[in-house]
Amino acid sequence: MNDLFTYQTIDQAVTSLYKEKGSKFFGFAFPVKNEEDIRHHLNTLREIHPKATHHCYAWRLGLNRDHYRANDDGEPAGTAGKPILGQIDSLKITNCLVVSVRYFGGTKLGVSGLITAYRASAKETLEQATISEHQLYRNFEIRSDYETLNRAYQWIQNHEGNILEQNMTTDCLLKAEIPCKYYDQAIASIESYYPLSIKPYKDER
């Protein structure tokens, strides 16, 4: 399958616990679609762990894996966020957030110790996850009358699409998605399904 139309990410949220010299590192990994998802998970973890010493994290987004951030949250620069990001990159995944929530155990770990601990926390967390390939989809609005509704269903089915919403009033409005790999083929076929009205809309994934 064309790599331009697929990406790899974790299937569901996972957790782990790593301990080092009394400090506890609670690891969390989440599949995410955008920065809003990321903020939601970070805020939730801060509510759940308000007394933690640090909430260090890293994430990558996007098909090209070129949108990312690594945050040390008060740890010495480069000792937390970067090692966490390195574990995400080692699996070549995207649309993923990994957080390591540290409770200080009374013994300082030093720069090298912190790097090792945060790397291990992220690694153990991601080892709990299932990674799979996901298709990119493009969304469409399709308008038809009741007499030609079956043509709309056929257009969706022929392009391995899914119906997201249906609104049946004076005419029929369907919101559907099709894999991006079929986009050019789908556009070229619209005339064959006349008189359907098909246009993209913005909620693409």
N, C-alpha and C. Protein backbone atom coordinates (compact mmCIF):
# COMPACT_ATOMS: atom_id res chain seq x y z
N MET A 1 0.84 -1.20 0.00
CA MET A 1 0.00 0.00 0.00
C MET A 1 0.88 1.25 0.00
N ASN A 2 0.47 2.28 -0.70
CA ASN A 2 1.26 3.50 -0.82
C ASN A 2 1.43 4.16 0.54
N ASP A 3 2.68 4.43 0.94
CA ASP A 3 2.95 5.02 2.24
C ASP A 3 2.34 6.40 2.39
N LEU A 4 2.04 7.08 1.29
CA LEU A 4 1.44 8.41 1.37
C LEU A 4 0.03 8.35 1.92
N PHE A 5 -0.57 7.19 1.92
CA PHE A 5 -1.96 7.06 2.31
C PHE A 5 -2.15 6.32 3.63
N THR A 6 -1.07 5.96 4.30
CA THR A 6 -1.17 5.20 5.55
C THR A 6 -0.19 5.75 6.59
N TYR A 7 -0.46 5.42 7.83
CA TYR A 7 0.48 5.75 8.90
C TYR A 7 0.35 4.70 9.99
N GLN A 8 1.34 4.60 10.86
CA GLN A 8 1.31 3.66 11.97
C GLN A 8 1.18 4.40 13.28
N THR A 9 0.33 3.88 14.15
CA THR A 9 0.17 4.45 15.48
C THR A 9 -0.29 3.36 16.44
N ILE A 10 -0.37 3.70 17.73
CA ILE A 10 -0.85 2.72 18.70
C ILE A 10 -2.38 2.68 18.64
N ASP A 11 -2.94 1.52 18.98
CA ASP A 11 -4.38 1.32 18.85
C ASP A 11 -5.17 1.91 20.00
N GLN A 12 -4.60 1.89 21.21
CA GLN A 12 -5.34 2.37 22.36
C GLN A 12 -4.39 2.83 23.45
N ALA A 13 -4.92 3.53 24.45
CA ALA A 13 -4.11 4.03 25.54
C ALA A 13 -3.55 2.89 26.38
N VAL A 14 -2.30 3.04 26.83
CA VAL A 14 -1.65 2.04 27.67
C VAL A 14 -0.88 2.74 28.78
N THR A 15 -0.55 1.97 29.83
CA THR A 15 0.17 2.53 30.98
C THR A 15 1.27 1.58 31.43
N SER A 16 2.18 2.11 32.25
CA SER A 16 3.23 1.28 32.85
C SER A 16 3.74 1.97 34.10
N LEU A 17 4.55 1.26 34.88
CA LEU A 17 5.18 1.84 36.05
C LEU A 17 6.64 1.40 36.08
N TYR A 18 7.53 2.39 36.14
CA TYR A 18 8.97 2.12 36.21
C TYR A 18 9.49 2.75 37.50
N LYS A 19 10.36 2.03 38.23
CA LYS A 19 10.90 2.53 39.48
C LYS A 19 12.43 2.59 39.41
N GLU A 20 12.97 3.65 39.98
CA GLU A 20 14.43 3.81 40.00
C GLU A 20 14.83 4.60 41.25
N LYS A 21 15.54 3.95 42.18
CA LYS A 21 16.06 4.58 43.39
C LYS A 21 14.99 5.37 44.14
N GLY A 22 13.85 4.76 44.30
CA GLY A 22 12.76 5.38 45.06
C GLY A 22 11.82 6.22 44.24
N SER A 23 12.27 6.74 43.10
CA SER A 23 11.38 7.52 42.23
C SER A 23 10.46 6.58 41.44
N LYS A 24 9.24 7.02 41.27
CA LYS A 24 8.28 6.27 40.47
C LYS A 24 7.97 7.05 39.20
N PHE A 25 7.99 6.36 38.08
CA PHE A 25 7.69 6.96 36.78
C PHE A 25 6.45 6.25 36.21
N PHE A 26 5.33 6.93 36.28
CA PHE A 26 4.10 6.38 35.72
C PHE A 26 4.04 6.75 34.23
N GLY A 27 4.06 5.74 33.38
CA GLY A 27 4.07 5.98 31.94
C GLY A 27 2.69 5.87 31.33
N PHE A 28 2.41 6.74 30.39
CA PHE A 28 1.13 6.75 29.68
C PHE A 28 1.40 6.99 28.20
N ALA A 29 0.70 6.27 27.35
CA ALA A 29 0.76 6.51 25.90
C ALA A 29 -0.65 6.55 25.36
N PHE A 30 -0.90 7.53 24.48
CA PHE A 30 -2.24 7.74 23.93
C PHE A 30 -2.17 7.89 22.41
N PRO A 31 -3.10 7.31 21.69
CA PRO A 31 -3.25 7.68 20.28
C PRO A 31 -3.96 9.03 20.22
N VAL A 32 -3.47 9.94 19.40
CA VAL A 32 -4.04 11.29 19.32
C VAL A 32 -4.16 11.72 17.86
N LYS A 33 -5.10 12.62 17.60
CA LYS A 33 -5.30 13.11 16.24
C LYS A 33 -4.80 14.54 16.05
N ASN A 34 -4.75 15.31 17.14
CA ASN A 34 -4.40 16.72 17.03
C ASN A 34 -3.92 17.23 18.38
N GLU A 35 -3.53 18.52 18.41
CA GLU A 35 -3.02 19.11 19.65
C GLU A 35 -4.10 19.27 20.69
N GLU A 36 -5.34 19.38 20.27
CA GLU A 36 -6.45 19.45 21.23
C GLU A 36 -6.53 18.16 22.03
N ASP A 37 -6.39 17.01 21.36
CA ASP A 37 -6.36 15.73 22.06
C ASP A 37 -5.21 15.70 23.06
N ILE A 38 -4.06 16.18 22.63
CA ILE A 38 -2.87 16.18 23.49
C ILE A 38 -3.11 17.01 24.74
N ARG A 39 -3.63 18.22 24.57
CA ARG A 39 -3.91 19.08 25.74
C ARG A 39 -4.89 18.42 26.69
N HIS A 40 -5.90 17.76 26.13
CA HIS A 40 -6.89 17.08 26.98
C HIS A 40 -6.22 16.02 27.85
N HIS A 41 -5.39 15.18 27.26
CA HIS A 41 -4.74 14.11 28.02
C HIS A 41 -3.77 14.68 29.06
N LEU A 42 -3.02 15.71 28.69
CA LEU A 42 -2.08 16.31 29.65
C LEU A 42 -2.82 16.94 30.82
N ASN A 43 -3.90 17.65 30.54
CA ASN A 43 -4.68 18.27 31.62
C ASN A 43 -5.29 17.22 32.53
N THR A 44 -5.78 16.13 31.93
CA THR A 44 -6.37 15.05 32.73
C THR A 44 -5.34 14.42 33.65
N LEU A 45 -4.13 14.19 33.14
CA LEU A 45 -3.08 13.60 33.97
C LEU A 45 -2.67 14.53 35.10
N ARG A 46 -2.67 15.83 34.84
CA ARG A 46 -2.33 16.78 35.91
C ARG A 46 -3.39 16.78 36.99
N GLU A 47 -4.65 16.55 36.61
CA GLU A 47 -5.72 16.45 37.60
C GLU A 47 -5.62 15.16 38.40
N ILE A 48 -5.22 14.07 37.74
CA ILE A 48 -5.11 12.78 38.42
C ILE A 48 -3.87 12.72 39.30
N HIS A 49 -2.79 13.38 38.87
CA HIS A 49 -1.51 13.34 39.60
C HIS A 49 -1.08 14.77 39.96
N PRO A 50 -1.83 15.47 40.79
CA PRO A 50 -1.48 16.88 41.09
C PRO A 50 -0.22 17.02 41.94
N LYS A 51 0.17 15.97 42.65
CA LYS A 51 1.33 16.06 43.54
C LYS A 51 2.60 15.50 42.91
N ALA A 52 2.53 15.11 41.64
CA ALA A 52 3.72 14.58 40.97
C ALA A 52 4.77 15.67 40.82
N THR A 53 6.03 15.28 40.84
CA THR A 53 7.12 16.24 40.72
C THR A 53 7.24 16.79 39.30
N HIS A 54 7.07 15.92 38.29
CA HIS A 54 7.21 16.32 36.90
C HIS A 54 6.21 15.55 36.02
N HIS A 55 5.72 16.23 34.99
CA HIS A 55 4.93 15.59 33.94
C HIS A 55 5.68 15.79 32.62
N CYS A 56 6.58 14.90 32.30
CA CYS A 56 7.41 15.04 31.10
C CYS A 56 6.77 14.27 29.95
N TYR A 57 6.91 14.80 28.75
CA TYR A 57 6.19 14.16 27.63
C TYR A 57 6.85 14.48 26.29
N ALA A 58 6.40 13.73 25.30
CA ALA A 58 6.76 13.98 23.91
C ALA A 58 5.64 13.46 23.03
N TRP A 59 5.52 14.06 21.85
CA TRP A 59 4.50 13.60 20.89
C TRP A 59 4.94 13.87 19.47
N ARG A 60 4.36 13.09 18.56
CA ARG A 60 4.49 13.33 17.12
C ARG A 60 3.11 13.27 16.49
N LEU A 61 2.93 14.13 15.48
CA LEU A 61 1.68 14.18 14.73
C LEU A 61 2.00 14.27 13.24
N GLY A 62 1.06 13.84 12.43
CA GLY A 62 1.15 14.07 10.99
C GLY A 62 1.65 12.89 10.20
N LEU A 63 1.19 12.84 8.96
CA LEU A 63 1.56 11.75 8.06
C LEU A 63 3.07 11.70 7.84
N ASN A 64 3.71 12.85 7.75
CA ASN A 64 5.16 12.91 7.53
C ASN A 64 5.95 12.91 8.84
N ARG A 65 5.26 12.83 9.97
CA ARG A 65 5.89 12.77 11.29
C ARG A 65 6.77 13.99 11.55
N ASP A 66 6.38 15.14 10.97
CA ASP A 66 7.22 16.33 11.07
C ASP A 66 6.71 17.36 12.08
N HIS A 67 5.65 17.03 12.80
CA HIS A 67 5.08 17.94 13.81
C HIS A 67 5.27 17.26 15.17
N TYR A 68 6.10 17.83 16.03
CA TYR A 68 6.44 17.14 17.27
C TYR A 68 6.83 18.13 18.36
N ARG A 69 6.90 17.60 19.58
CA ARG A 69 7.38 18.39 20.71
C ARG A 69 7.90 17.46 21.79
N ALA A 70 8.93 17.92 22.51
CA ALA A 70 9.47 17.20 23.65
C ALA A 70 9.59 18.18 24.81
N ASN A 71 9.05 17.83 25.98
CA ASN A 71 8.97 18.75 27.11
C ASN A 71 9.58 18.10 28.35
N ASP A 72 10.56 18.78 28.96
CA ASP A 72 11.24 18.26 30.15
C ASP A 72 10.53 18.62 31.45
N ASP A 73 9.59 19.54 31.42
CA ASP A 73 8.79 19.95 32.58
C ASP A 73 9.64 20.14 33.85
N GLY A 74 10.71 20.91 33.72
CA GLY A 74 11.51 21.25 34.88
C GLY A 74 12.70 20.35 35.15
N GLU A 75 12.77 19.22 34.49
CA GLU A 75 13.97 18.39 34.60
C GLU A 75 15.10 19.07 33.80
N PRO A 76 16.37 18.72 34.06
CA PRO A 76 17.46 19.31 33.28
C PRO A 76 17.23 19.12 31.78
N ALA A 77 17.59 20.14 31.01
CA ALA A 77 17.30 20.15 29.57
C ALA A 77 17.82 18.89 28.88
N GLY A 78 16.94 18.27 28.11
CA GLY A 78 17.31 17.12 27.31
C GLY A 78 17.29 15.79 28.03
N THR A 79 16.90 15.77 29.31
CA THR A 79 16.97 14.53 30.08
C THR A 79 15.67 13.74 30.09
N ALA A 80 14.57 14.34 29.63
CA ALA A 80 13.27 13.67 29.75
C ALA A 80 12.52 13.63 28.42
N GLY A 81 12.15 14.80 27.90
CA GLY A 81 11.35 14.84 26.68
C GLY A 81 12.05 14.19 25.49
N LYS A 82 13.33 14.48 25.34
CA LYS A 82 14.07 13.93 24.19
C LYS A 82 14.18 12.41 24.25
N PRO A 83 14.53 11.81 25.40
CA PRO A 83 14.54 10.34 25.46
C PRO A 83 13.17 9.71 25.21
N ILE A 84 12.11 10.39 25.65
CA ILE A 84 10.76 9.88 25.40
C ILE A 84 10.47 9.93 23.90
N LEU A 85 10.80 11.05 23.27
CA LEU A 85 10.58 11.19 21.83
C LEU A 85 11.39 10.14 21.07
N GLY A 86 12.58 9.85 21.56
CA GLY A 86 13.41 8.85 20.90
C GLY A 86 12.74 7.48 20.85
N GLN A 87 11.98 7.14 21.89
CA GLN A 87 11.28 5.86 21.89
C GLN A 87 10.11 5.85 20.91
N ILE A 88 9.43 6.97 20.77
CA ILE A 88 8.37 7.09 19.75
C ILE A 88 8.99 6.90 18.37
N ASP A 89 10.12 7.57 18.15
CA ASP A 89 10.76 7.52 16.83
C ASP A 89 11.34 6.15 16.52
N SER A 90 11.76 5.43 17.55
CA SER A 90 12.35 4.11 17.31
C SER A 90 11.32 3.15 16.73
N LEU A 91 10.04 3.41 16.98
CA LEU A 91 8.97 2.57 16.46
C LEU A 91 8.38 3.13 15.16
N LYS A 92 8.85 4.32 14.76
CA LYS A 92 8.39 4.97 13.53
C LYS A 92 6.87 5.15 13.51
N ILE A 93 6.35 5.60 14.64
CA ILE A 93 4.91 5.83 14.74
C ILE A 93 4.63 7.32 14.80
N THR A 94 3.39 7.68 14.58
CA THR A 94 2.97 9.07 14.65
C THR A 94 1.60 9.13 15.33
N ASN A 95 1.08 10.34 15.49
CA ASN A 95 -0.20 10.55 16.17
C ASN A 95 -0.19 9.84 17.52
N CYS A 96 0.86 10.08 18.26
CA CYS A 96 1.06 9.41 19.54
C CYS A 96 1.63 10.39 20.57
N LEU A 97 1.09 10.34 21.78
CA LEU A 97 1.59 11.11 22.92
C LEU A 97 2.07 10.13 23.99
N VAL A 98 3.28 10.37 24.52
CA VAL A 98 3.80 9.57 25.62
C VAL A 98 4.16 10.51 26.76
N VAL A 99 3.67 10.18 27.95
CA VAL A 99 3.90 11.00 29.14
C VAL A 99 4.52 10.13 30.22
N SER A 100 5.52 10.67 30.91
CA SER A 100 6.09 10.00 32.07
C SER A 100 5.92 10.92 33.28
N VAL A 101 5.09 10.49 34.22
CA VAL A 101 4.77 11.28 35.41
C VAL A 101 5.67 10.79 36.55
N ARG A 102 6.54 11.67 37.04
CA ARG A 102 7.53 11.27 38.05
C ARG A 102 7.15 11.75 39.44
N TYR A 103 7.27 10.83 40.38
CA TYR A 103 7.21 11.16 41.80
C TYR A 103 8.61 10.97 42.36
N PHE A 104 9.22 12.06 42.83
CA PHE A 104 10.60 12.02 43.30
C PHE A 104 10.71 11.15 44.55
N GLY A 105 11.71 10.27 44.56
CA GLY A 105 11.85 9.32 45.67
C GLY A 105 12.90 9.68 46.69
N GLY A 106 13.50 10.88 46.58
CA GLY A 106 14.45 11.31 47.59
C GLY A 106 15.90 11.19 47.18
N THR A 107 16.18 10.45 46.11
CA THR A 107 17.55 10.29 45.64
C THR A 107 17.69 10.87 44.24
N LYS A 108 18.61 11.82 44.09
CA LYS A 108 18.83 12.41 42.76
C LYS A 108 19.46 11.38 41.84
N LEU A 109 19.01 11.39 40.59
CA LEU A 109 19.49 10.39 39.63
C LEU A 109 20.63 10.90 38.75
N GLY A 110 20.84 12.20 38.71
CA GLY A 110 21.87 12.75 37.85
C GLY A 110 21.39 12.78 36.40
N VAL A 111 22.13 13.48 35.55
CA VAL A 111 21.72 13.66 34.16
C VAL A 111 21.60 12.32 33.44
N SER A 112 22.64 11.51 33.52
CA SER A 112 22.60 10.22 32.81
C SER A 112 21.54 9.30 33.38
N GLY A 113 21.34 9.36 34.70
CA GLY A 113 20.31 8.54 35.34
C GLY A 113 18.92 8.94 34.91
N LEU A 114 18.69 10.24 34.77
CA LEU A 114 17.38 10.72 34.32
C LEU A 114 17.10 10.29 32.89
N ILE A 115 18.10 10.44 32.04
CA ILE A 115 17.94 10.03 30.63
C ILE A 115 17.57 8.55 30.56
N THR A 116 18.29 7.74 31.33
CA THR A 116 18.03 6.30 31.32
C THR A 116 16.63 6.00 31.85
N ALA A 117 16.23 6.68 32.93
CA ALA A 117 14.93 6.41 33.55
C ALA A 117 13.78 6.81 32.64
N TYR A 118 13.86 7.99 32.04
CA TYR A 118 12.76 8.43 31.17
C TYR A 118 12.70 7.60 29.89
N ARG A 119 13.87 7.21 29.39
CA ARG A 119 13.88 6.33 28.22
C ARG A 119 13.23 4.99 28.56
N ALA A 120 13.59 4.44 29.71
CA ALA A 120 13.04 3.15 30.12
C ALA A 120 11.54 3.24 30.37
N SER A 121 11.10 4.33 30.99
CA SER A 121 9.67 4.52 31.24
C SER A 121 8.89 4.54 29.94
N ALA A 122 9.37 5.31 28.96
CA ALA A 122 8.68 5.38 27.66
C ALA A 122 8.72 4.05 26.93
N LYS A 123 9.87 3.38 26.99
CA LYS A 123 10.02 2.09 26.31
C LYS A 123 9.05 1.06 26.89
N GLU A 124 9.00 0.97 28.21
CA GLU A 124 8.12 -0.01 28.84
C GLU A 124 6.64 0.31 28.57
N THR A 125 6.33 1.59 28.50
CA THR A 125 4.95 1.98 28.20
C THR A 125 4.57 1.55 26.79
N LEU A 126 5.40 1.89 25.82
CA LEU A 126 5.08 1.57 24.43
C LEU A 126 5.11 0.07 24.16
N GLU A 127 5.84 -0.69 24.99
CA GLU A 127 5.84 -2.14 24.83
C GLU A 127 4.48 -2.75 25.17
N GLN A 128 3.66 -2.00 25.90
CA GLN A 128 2.31 -2.48 26.23
C GLN A 128 1.33 -2.25 25.08
N ALA A 129 1.74 -1.45 24.10
CA ALA A 129 0.82 -1.04 23.04
C ALA A 129 0.84 -1.98 21.85
N THR A 130 -0.30 -2.01 21.16
CA THR A 130 -0.39 -2.68 19.86
C THR A 130 -0.29 -1.62 18.78
N ILE A 131 0.60 -1.82 17.84
CA ILE A 131 0.81 -0.85 16.77
C ILE A 131 0.24 -1.42 15.48
N SER A 132 -0.52 -0.61 14.77
CA SER A 132 -1.09 -1.08 13.51
C SER A 132 -1.10 0.04 12.48
N GLU A 133 -1.31 -0.35 11.24
CA GLU A 133 -1.34 0.60 10.13
C GLU A 133 -2.75 1.12 9.94
N HIS A 134 -2.88 2.42 9.77
CA HIS A 134 -4.18 3.05 9.59
C HIS A 134 -4.21 3.78 8.25
N GLN A 135 -5.35 3.74 7.60
CA GLN A 135 -5.52 4.47 6.35
C GLN A 135 -5.93 5.91 6.63
N LEU A 136 -5.50 6.79 5.76
CA LEU A 136 -6.00 8.16 5.78
C LEU A 136 -7.28 8.21 4.96
N TYR A 137 -8.24 8.98 5.45
CA TYR A 137 -9.53 9.10 4.80
C TYR A 137 -9.80 10.54 4.38
N ARG A 138 -10.63 10.67 3.35
CA ARG A 138 -11.13 11.97 2.93
C ARG A 138 -12.65 11.93 3.05
N ASN A 139 -13.21 13.00 3.60
CA ASN A 139 -14.65 13.04 3.88
C ASN A 139 -15.42 13.79 2.80
N PHE A 140 -16.65 13.34 2.57
CA PHE A 140 -17.51 13.93 1.55
C PHE A 140 -18.92 14.14 2.06
N GLU A 141 -19.57 15.17 1.52
CA GLU A 141 -21.01 15.32 1.65
C GLU A 141 -21.64 14.91 0.32
N ILE A 142 -22.66 14.09 0.40
CA ILE A 142 -23.32 13.61 -0.81
C ILE A 142 -24.81 13.94 -0.71
N ARG A 143 -25.31 14.66 -1.70
CA ARG A 143 -26.74 14.99 -1.75
C ARG A 143 -27.40 14.23 -2.89
N SER A 144 -28.58 13.71 -2.61
CA SER A 144 -29.35 13.02 -3.64
C SER A 144 -30.82 13.10 -3.27
N ASP A 145 -31.68 12.71 -4.19
CA ASP A 145 -33.08 12.55 -3.83
C ASP A 145 -33.30 11.08 -3.47
N TYR A 146 -34.52 10.78 -3.02
CA TYR A 146 -34.78 9.41 -2.58
C TYR A 146 -34.67 8.41 -3.72
N GLU A 147 -34.99 8.84 -4.92
CA GLU A 147 -34.97 7.93 -6.07
C GLU A 147 -33.54 7.49 -6.43
N THR A 148 -32.58 8.36 -6.16
CA THR A 148 -31.20 8.04 -6.53
C THR A 148 -30.32 7.74 -5.31
N LEU A 149 -30.96 7.52 -4.16
CA LEU A 149 -30.20 7.28 -2.93
C LEU A 149 -29.32 6.04 -3.06
N ASN A 150 -29.85 5.02 -3.74
CA ASN A 150 -29.06 3.80 -3.89
C ASN A 150 -27.76 4.05 -4.66
N ARG A 151 -27.77 5.06 -5.56
CA ARG A 151 -26.55 5.40 -6.29
C ARG A 151 -25.50 5.95 -5.33
N ALA A 152 -25.96 6.72 -4.35
CA ALA A 152 -25.04 7.26 -3.35
C ALA A 152 -24.42 6.13 -2.53
N TYR A 153 -25.26 5.21 -2.09
CA TYR A 153 -24.74 4.07 -1.33
C TYR A 153 -23.75 3.27 -2.18
N GLN A 154 -24.05 3.12 -3.45
CA GLN A 154 -23.17 2.37 -4.35
C GLN A 154 -21.83 3.07 -4.50
N TRP A 155 -21.86 4.40 -4.65
CA TRP A 155 -20.62 5.18 -4.78
C TRP A 155 -19.73 4.99 -3.56
N ILE A 156 -20.33 5.02 -2.38
CA ILE A 156 -19.57 4.83 -1.14
C ILE A 156 -18.99 3.41 -1.08
N GLN A 157 -19.83 2.44 -1.38
CA GLN A 157 -19.38 1.05 -1.31
C GLN A 157 -18.28 0.75 -2.31
N ASN A 158 -18.40 1.29 -3.51
CA ASN A 158 -17.41 1.03 -4.56
C ASN A 158 -16.03 1.59 -4.22
N HIS A 159 -15.98 2.54 -3.30
CA HIS A 159 -14.71 3.15 -2.92
C HIS A 159 -14.33 2.80 -1.48
N GLU A 160 -14.88 1.67 -0.99
CA GLU A 160 -14.54 1.15 0.34
C GLU A 160 -14.75 2.20 1.43
N GLY A 161 -15.83 2.96 1.28
CA GLY A 161 -16.10 4.04 2.22
C GLY A 161 -17.03 3.63 3.35
N ASN A 162 -17.25 4.59 4.24
CA ASN A 162 -18.14 4.40 5.39
C ASN A 162 -19.07 5.60 5.50
N ILE A 163 -20.31 5.36 5.87
CA ILE A 163 -21.27 6.44 6.12
C ILE A 163 -21.09 6.92 7.55
N LEU A 164 -20.89 8.23 7.72
CA LEU A 164 -20.69 8.84 9.03
C LEU A 164 -21.97 9.42 9.60
N GLU A 165 -22.78 10.07 8.73
CA GLU A 165 -24.05 10.66 9.15
C GLU A 165 -25.05 10.57 8.01
N GLN A 166 -26.34 10.52 8.38
CA GLN A 166 -27.40 10.57 7.38
C GLN A 166 -28.47 11.55 7.85
N ASN A 167 -28.89 12.43 6.94
CA ASN A 167 -29.95 13.39 7.25
C ASN A 167 -30.98 13.34 6.14
N MET A 168 -32.11 12.72 6.40
CA MET A 168 -33.15 12.53 5.39
C MET A 168 -34.27 13.53 5.62
N THR A 169 -34.28 14.60 4.84
CA THR A 169 -35.37 15.59 4.93
C THR A 169 -36.04 15.65 3.57
N THR A 170 -36.08 16.85 2.94
CA THR A 170 -36.67 16.92 1.60
C THR A 170 -35.77 16.25 0.58
N ASP A 171 -34.47 16.29 0.83
CA ASP A 171 -33.55 15.48 0.03
C ASP A 171 -32.69 14.67 0.99
N CYS A 172 -31.72 13.95 0.50
CA CYS A 172 -30.90 13.08 1.34
C CYS A 172 -29.48 13.64 1.41
N LEU A 173 -29.01 13.86 2.62
CA LEU A 173 -27.64 14.34 2.83
C LEU A 173 -26.87 13.26 3.60
N LEU A 174 -25.83 12.76 2.98
CA LEU A 174 -24.97 11.77 3.61
C LEU A 174 -23.59 12.37 3.83
N LYS A 175 -23.03 12.11 4.99
CA LYS A 175 -21.63 12.41 5.21
C LYS A 175 -20.91 11.08 5.25
N ALA A 176 -19.88 10.96 4.41
CA ALA A 176 -19.19 9.69 4.27
C ALA A 176 -17.69 9.92 4.18
N GLU A 177 -16.93 8.85 4.34
CA GLU A 177 -15.49 8.91 4.20
C GLU A 177 -15.03 7.80 3.27
N ILE A 178 -13.98 8.08 2.50
CA ILE A 178 -13.37 7.07 1.64
C ILE A 178 -11.85 7.15 1.83
N PRO A 179 -11.15 6.04 1.67
CA PRO A 179 -9.69 6.08 1.78
C PRO A 179 -9.08 7.05 0.76
N CYS A 180 -8.08 7.80 1.18
CA CYS A 180 -7.44 8.77 0.29
C CYS A 180 -6.87 8.12 -0.96
N LYS A 181 -6.51 6.85 -0.88
CA LYS A 181 -5.94 6.19 -2.06
C LYS A 181 -6.95 6.12 -3.21
N TYR A 182 -8.25 6.29 -2.90
CA TYR A 182 -9.28 6.24 -3.93
C TYR A 182 -9.76 7.63 -4.35
N TYR A 183 -9.12 8.69 -3.84
CA TYR A 183 -9.65 10.03 -4.07
C TYR A 183 -9.74 10.38 -5.56
N ASP A 184 -8.64 10.22 -6.29
CA ASP A 184 -8.66 10.57 -7.72
C ASP A 184 -9.67 9.73 -8.48
N GLN A 185 -9.71 8.46 -8.16
CA GLN A 185 -10.66 7.56 -8.81
C GLN A 185 -12.10 7.98 -8.51
N ALA A 186 -12.35 8.38 -7.26
CA ALA A 186 -13.69 8.79 -6.85
C ALA A 186 -14.13 10.05 -7.59
N ILE A 187 -13.26 11.05 -7.66
CA ILE A 187 -13.59 12.29 -8.35
C ILE A 187 -13.88 12.02 -9.82
N ALA A 188 -13.08 11.16 -10.43
CA ALA A 188 -13.26 10.85 -11.85
C ALA A 188 -14.57 10.12 -12.12
N SER A 189 -15.10 9.46 -11.09
CA SER A 189 -16.30 8.64 -11.31
C SER A 189 -17.60 9.38 -11.03
N ILE A 190 -17.51 10.62 -10.55
CA ILE A 190 -18.73 11.33 -10.13
C ILE A 190 -19.75 11.42 -11.26
N GLU A 191 -19.29 11.73 -12.46
CA GLU A 191 -20.22 11.88 -13.57
C GLU A 191 -21.01 10.61 -13.84
N SER A 192 -20.42 9.47 -13.54
CA SER A 192 -21.11 8.20 -13.76
C SER A 192 -22.28 8.01 -12.80
N TYR A 193 -22.28 8.80 -11.71
CA TYR A 193 -23.34 8.66 -10.71
C TYR A 193 -24.32 9.84 -10.74
N TYR A 194 -24.27 10.61 -11.81
CA TYR A 194 -25.19 11.73 -11.97
C TYR A 194 -26.62 11.26 -11.68
N PRO A 195 -27.45 12.04 -10.96
CA PRO A 195 -27.28 13.45 -10.58
C PRO A 195 -26.83 13.66 -9.14
N LEU A 196 -25.98 12.82 -8.60
CA LEU A 196 -25.51 13.02 -7.24
C LEU A 196 -24.66 14.30 -7.15
N SER A 197 -24.74 14.97 -6.00
CA SER A 197 -23.89 16.12 -5.72
C SER A 197 -22.91 15.70 -4.64
N ILE A 198 -21.64 15.67 -4.99
CA ILE A 198 -20.61 15.18 -4.07
C ILE A 198 -19.55 16.26 -3.90
N LYS A 199 -19.25 16.61 -2.64
CA LYS A 199 -18.19 17.60 -2.42
C LYS A 199 -17.47 17.25 -1.10
N PRO A 200 -16.18 17.57 -1.03
CA PRO A 200 -15.43 17.33 0.20
C PRO A 200 -15.91 18.25 1.31
N TYR A 201 -15.75 17.82 2.56
CA TYR A 201 -15.91 18.75 3.68
C TYR A 201 -14.72 18.57 4.61
N LYS A 202 -14.60 19.45 5.59
CA LYS A 202 -13.32 19.66 6.26
C LYS A 202 -12.96 18.63 7.33
N ASP A 203 -13.91 17.88 7.85
CA ASP A 203 -13.60 17.00 8.97
C ASP A 203 -12.87 15.75 8.49
N GLU A 204 -11.68 15.95 7.91
CA GLU A 204 -10.94 14.83 7.35
C GLU A 204 -10.04 14.22 8.40
N ARG A 205 -9.76 12.95 8.24
CA ARG A 205 -8.86 12.28 9.18
C ARG A 205 -7.90 11.36 8.44
